[in-house]
C-alpha atoms as a PDB file:
ATOM      1  CA  MET A   1     106.354  86.991 103.516  1.00  0.00           C
ATOM      2  CA  GLU A   2     108.153  89.952 105.030  1.00  0.00           C
ATOM      3  CA  ARG A   3     106.841  93.502 105.124  1.00  0.00           C
ATOM      4  CA  GLU A   4     109.938  94.645 103.222  1.00  0.00           C
ATOM      5  CA  ASP A   5     108.819  92.614 100.183  1.00  0.00           C
ATOM      6  CA  ILE A   6     105.574  94.537  99.687  1.00  0.00           C
ATOM      7  CA  ASN A   7     107.036  97.473  97.737  1.00  0.00           C
ATOM      8  CA  TYR A   8     108.789  95.232  95.217  1.00  0.00           C
ATOM      9  CA  LEU A   9     106.030  92.655  94.825  1.00  0.00           C
ATOM     10  CA  SER A  10     103.221  95.185  94.452  1.00  0.00           C
ATOM     11  CA  GLN A  11     104.898  96.421  91.262  1.00  0.00           C
ATOM     12  CA  LEU A  12     104.284  92.979  89.750  1.00  0.00           C
ATOM     13  CA  VAL A  13     100.553  92.926  90.550  1.00  0.00           C
ATOM     14  CA  ASN A  14      97.877  94.032  88.104  1.00  0.00           C
ATOM     15  CA  GLU A  15      96.855  97.556  89.131  1.00  0.00           C
ATOM     16  CA  ASN A  16      93.126  96.699  89.068  1.00  0.00           C
ATOM     17  CA  ASP A  17      93.724  93.909  91.595  1.00  0.00           C
ATOM     18  CA  LEU A  18      95.592  96.348  93.846  1.00  0.00           C
ATOM     19  CA  LYS A  19      92.763  98.849  93.505  1.00  0.00           C
ATOM     20  CA  THR A  20      90.165  96.240  94.472  1.00  0.00           C
ATOM     21  CA  LEU A  21      92.011  95.334  97.670  1.00  0.00           C
ATOM     22  CA  TYR A  22      92.672  99.020  98.396  1.00  0.00           C
ATOM     23  CA  LYS A  23      88.941  99.807  98.152  1.00  0.00           C
ATOM     24  CA  LYS A  24      88.115  96.878 100.421  1.00  0.00           C
ATOM     25  CA  ILE A  25      90.511  98.193 103.063  1.00  0.00           C
ATOM     26  CA  LYS A  26      89.347 101.794 102.657  1.00  0.00           C
ATOM     27  CA  ASP A  27      85.688 100.788 103.022  1.00  0.00           C
ATOM     28  CA  ASN A  28      86.312  98.989 106.318  1.00  0.00           C
ATOM     29  CA  TYR A  29      89.098 101.002 107.966  1.00  0.00           C
ATOM     30  CA  GLU A  30      90.104 104.622 108.382  1.00  0.00           C
ATOM     31  CA  VAL A  31      92.718 105.562 105.761  1.00  0.00           C
ATOM     32  CA  ASN A  32      94.544 108.882 106.136  1.00  0.00           C
ATOM     33  CA  VAL A  33      96.998 110.124 103.528  1.00  0.00           C
ATOM     34  CA  LEU A  34      99.900 111.716 105.397  1.00  0.00           C
ATOM     35  CA  THR A  35     102.053 112.452 102.340  1.00  0.00           C
ATOM     36  CA  PRO A  36     100.222 112.394  99.012  1.00  0.00           C
ATOM     37  CA  ALA A  37     101.805 110.349  96.264  1.00  0.00           C
ATOM     38  CA  CYS A  38     104.476 112.358  94.497  1.00  0.00           C
ATOM     39  CA  GLU A  39     107.276 111.831  92.026  1.00  0.00           C
ATOM     40  CA  GLN A  40     110.906 112.000  93.131  1.00  0.00           C
ATOM     41  CA  THR A  41     114.292 111.030  91.784  1.00  0.00           C
ATOM     42  CA  LEU A  42     116.894 108.922  93.554  1.00  0.00           C
ATOM     43  CA  LEU A  43     120.573 108.611  92.799  1.00  0.00           C
ATOM     44  CA  VAL A  44     121.585 105.058  91.907  1.00  0.00           C
ATOM     45  CA  PRO A  45     124.815 103.958  93.637  1.00  0.00           C
ATOM     46  CA  VAL A  46     127.096 101.570  91.776  1.00  0.00           C
ATOM     47  CA  LYS A  47     130.099  99.760  93.217  1.00  0.00           C
ATOM     48  CA  ASP A  48     133.272 100.172  91.187  1.00  0.00           C
ATOM     49  CA  PRO A  49     135.020  96.769  91.088  1.00  0.00           C
ATOM     50  CA  ILE A  50     138.388  98.245  90.112  1.00  0.00           C
ATOM     51  CA  SER A  51     138.861 100.920  92.752  1.00  0.00           C
ATOM     52  CA  ASP A  52     136.565  99.175  95.271  1.00  0.00           C
ATOM     53  CA  GLY A  53     134.770 102.494  95.665  1.00  0.00           C
ATOM     54  CA  SER A  54     131.333 103.581  94.596  1.00  0.00           C
ATOM     55  CA  PHE A  55     129.805 106.273  92.462  1.00  0.00           C
ATOM     56  CA  TYR A  56     126.369 107.407  91.343  1.00  0.00           C
ATOM     57  CA  SER A  57     125.605 106.238  87.820  1.00  0.00           C
ATOM     58  CA  GLY A  58     122.424 108.244  87.370  1.00  0.00           C
ATOM     59  CA  GLU A  59     118.950 108.830  88.672  1.00  0.00           C
ATOM     60  CA  VAL A  60     115.792 106.780  88.758  1.00  0.00           C
ATOM     61  CA  LEU A  61     112.244 108.157  88.863  1.00  0.00           C
ATOM     62  CA  VAL A  62     110.100 106.904  91.766  1.00  0.00           C
ATOM     63  CA  SER A  63     106.636 107.592  93.154  1.00  0.00           C
ATOM     64  CA  SER A  64     106.255 107.570  96.912  1.00  0.00           C
ATOM     65  CA  SER A  65     103.575 108.128  99.521  1.00  0.00           C
ATOM     66  CA  ILE A  66     102.952 107.753 103.242  1.00  0.00           C
ATOM     67  CA  VAL A  67      99.576 106.772 104.685  1.00  0.00           C
ATOM     68  CA  GLU A  68      97.990 105.721 107.947  1.00  0.00           C
ATOM     69  CA  VAL A  69      95.524 102.849 108.201  1.00  0.00           C
ATOM     70  CA  ASP A  70      93.747 102.547 111.530  1.00  0.00           C
ATOM     71  CA  LYS A  71      96.619 104.534 113.154  1.00  0.00           C
ATOM     72  CA  GLU A  72      99.346 102.313 111.606  1.00  0.00           C
ATOM     73  CA  LYS A  73     101.745 104.044 109.218  1.00  0.00           C
ATOM     74  CA  GLY A  74     102.681 102.617 105.853  1.00  0.00           C
ATOM     75  CA  TRP A  75     104.822 103.856 102.995  1.00  0.00           C
ATOM     76  CA  SER A  76     105.692 103.012  99.444  1.00  0.00           C
ATOM     77  CA  MET A  77     108.329 103.793  96.872  1.00  0.00           C
ATOM     78  CA  ILE A  78     107.477 102.546  93.395  1.00  0.00           C
ATOM     79  CA  MET A  79     109.733 102.796  90.372  1.00  0.00           C
ATOM     80  CA  ASP A  80     108.482 105.057  87.588  1.00  0.00           C
ATOM     81  CA  SER A  81     105.614 107.525  87.603  1.00  0.00           C
ATOM     82  CA  ASN A  82     102.618 105.679  89.026  1.00  0.00           C
ATOM     83  CA  LEU A  83     100.968 107.693  91.771  1.00  0.00           C
ATOM     84  CA  LYS A  84      97.925 105.431  92.163  1.00  0.00           C
ATOM     85  CA  ARG A  85     100.039 102.291  92.549  1.00  0.00           C
ATOM     86  CA  SER A  86     102.145 104.139  95.120  1.00  0.00           C
ATOM     87  CA  LEU A  87      99.039 104.982  97.180  1.00  0.00           C
ATOM     88  CA  TYR A  88      97.662 101.441  96.942  1.00  0.00           C
ATOM     89  CA  THR A  89     101.011  99.971  97.982  1.00  0.00           C
ATOM     90  CA  ALA A  90     101.338 102.282 100.977  1.00  0.00           C
ATOM     91  CA  VAL A  91      97.877 101.210 102.153  1.00  0.00           C
ATOM     92  CA  LEU A  92      98.840  97.536 101.740  1.00  0.00           C
ATOM     93  CA  ASP A  93     102.026  98.161 103.721  1.00  0.00           C
ATOM     94  CA  ALA A  94     100.161  99.777 106.613  1.00  0.00           C
ATOM     95  CA  SER A  95      97.463  97.097 106.565  1.00  0.00           C
ATOM     96  CA  PHE A  96     100.057  94.326 106.609  1.00  0.00           C
ATOM     97  CA  ALA A  97     101.792  95.963 109.590  1.00  0.00           C
ATOM     98  CA  LYS A  98      98.459  96.312 111.397  1.00  0.00           C
ATOM     99  CA  GLY A  99      97.471  92.707 110.667  1.00  0.00           C
ATOM    100  CA  ILE A 100      94.559  93.628 108.411  1.00  0.00           C
ATOM    101  CA  TYR A 101      93.751  91.361 105.431  1.00  0.00           C
ATOM    102  CA  ILE A 102      97.162  89.677 105.668  1.00  0.00           C
ATOM    103  CA  ASP A 103      95.954  86.539 103.890  1.00  0.00           C
ATOM    104  CA  GLU A 104      94.534  88.506 100.960  1.00  0.00           C
ATOM    105  CA  ILE A 105      97.677  90.640 100.673  1.00  0.00           C
ATOM    106  CA  GLU A 106      99.970  87.614 100.744  1.00  0.00           C
ATOM    107  CA  GLU A 107      97.823  85.735  98.236  1.00  0.00           C
ATOM    108  CA  LEU A 108      97.828  88.658  95.803  1.00  0.00           C
ATOM    109  CA  LEU A 109     101.565  89.301  96.075  1.00  0.00           C
ATOM    110  CA  CYS A 110     102.619  85.643  96.030  1.00  0.00           C
ATOM    111  CA  ALA A 111     100.544  84.984  92.909  1.00  0.00           C
ATOM    112  CA  ALA A 112     102.261  87.897  91.181  1.00  0.00           C
ATOM    113  CA  LEU A 113     105.670  86.623  92.272  1.00  0.00           C
ATOM    114  CA  ALA A 114     104.928  83.127  90.973  1.00  0.00           C
ATOM    115  CA  GLU A 115     103.851  84.559  87.607  1.00  0.00           C
ATOM    116  CA  ASP A 116     106.989  86.721  87.460  1.00  0.00           C
ATOM    117  CA  ILE A 117     109.222  83.719  88.161  1.00  0.00           C
ATOM    118  CA  LYS A 118     107.423  81.743  85.469  1.00  0.00           C
ATOM    119  CA  GLU A 119     107.937  84.539  82.910  1.00  0.00           C
ATOM    120  CA  LYS A 120     111.619  84.887  83.793  1.00  0.00           C
ATOM    121  CA  GLU A 121     112.209  81.154  83.466  1.00  0.00           C
ATOM    122  CA  TYR A 122     110.608  81.243  80.019  1.00  0.00           C
ATOM    123  CA  LYS A 123     112.853  84.139  78.960  1.00  0.00           C
ATOM    124  CA  TYR A 124     115.946  82.398  80.349  1.00  0.00           C
ATOM    125  CA  LYS A 125     115.081  79.298  78.333  1.00  0.00           C
ATOM    126  CA  GLN A 126     114.761  81.376  75.190  1.00  0.00           C
ATOM    127  CA  VAL A 127     118.118  83.060  75.792  1.00  0.00           C
ATOM    128  CA  ASN A 128     119.857  79.807  76.717  1.00  0.00           C
ATOM    129  CA  SER A 129     118.594  78.160  73.544  1.00  0.00           C
ATOM    130  CA  THR A 130     120.772  80.584  71.552  1.00  0.00           C
ATOM    131  CA  LYS A 131     123.921  79.693  73.492  1.00  0.00           C
ATOM    132  CA  VAL A 132     126.821  78.696  71.277  1.00  0.00           C
ATOM    133  CA  ASN A 133     129.272  76.027  72.411  1.00  0.00           C
ATOM    134  CA  PHE A 134     132.610  76.947  70.830  1.00  0.00           C
ATOM    135  CA  ASP A 135     134.220  73.633  71.826  1.00  0.00           C
ATOM    136  CA  LEU A 136     132.115  71.911  69.184  1.00  0.00           C
ATOM    137  CA  LEU A 137     133.179  74.219  66.354  1.00  0.00           C
END
């Protein structure tokens, strides 16, 4: 697992599981909040296939925060308004960079990824079952 995957994968994890790991880290290491979790908006760039240019199609709401765990900085940017998840993710990011509880972090995130893949495959099967083959008509 790469550190860059933490922000995406933490959005798939049950928030109570994130909170449990966050508390475990906070109880054993010094956690300083450098930038409290706050809501922001980001412009979403889209590539125009006709003109080969790009434009901004709109905005997306994110929650972000910056923390320090045992003097290692971590950050998060989570889609939607979820300030707690943003804080928990930033702490996981810093801990992962510091080498703290790497096995637990990877186990939590990989389990969420596996469940997400399973759900997507199920949805794809449902959609594909409605596919119409016009050659047979």
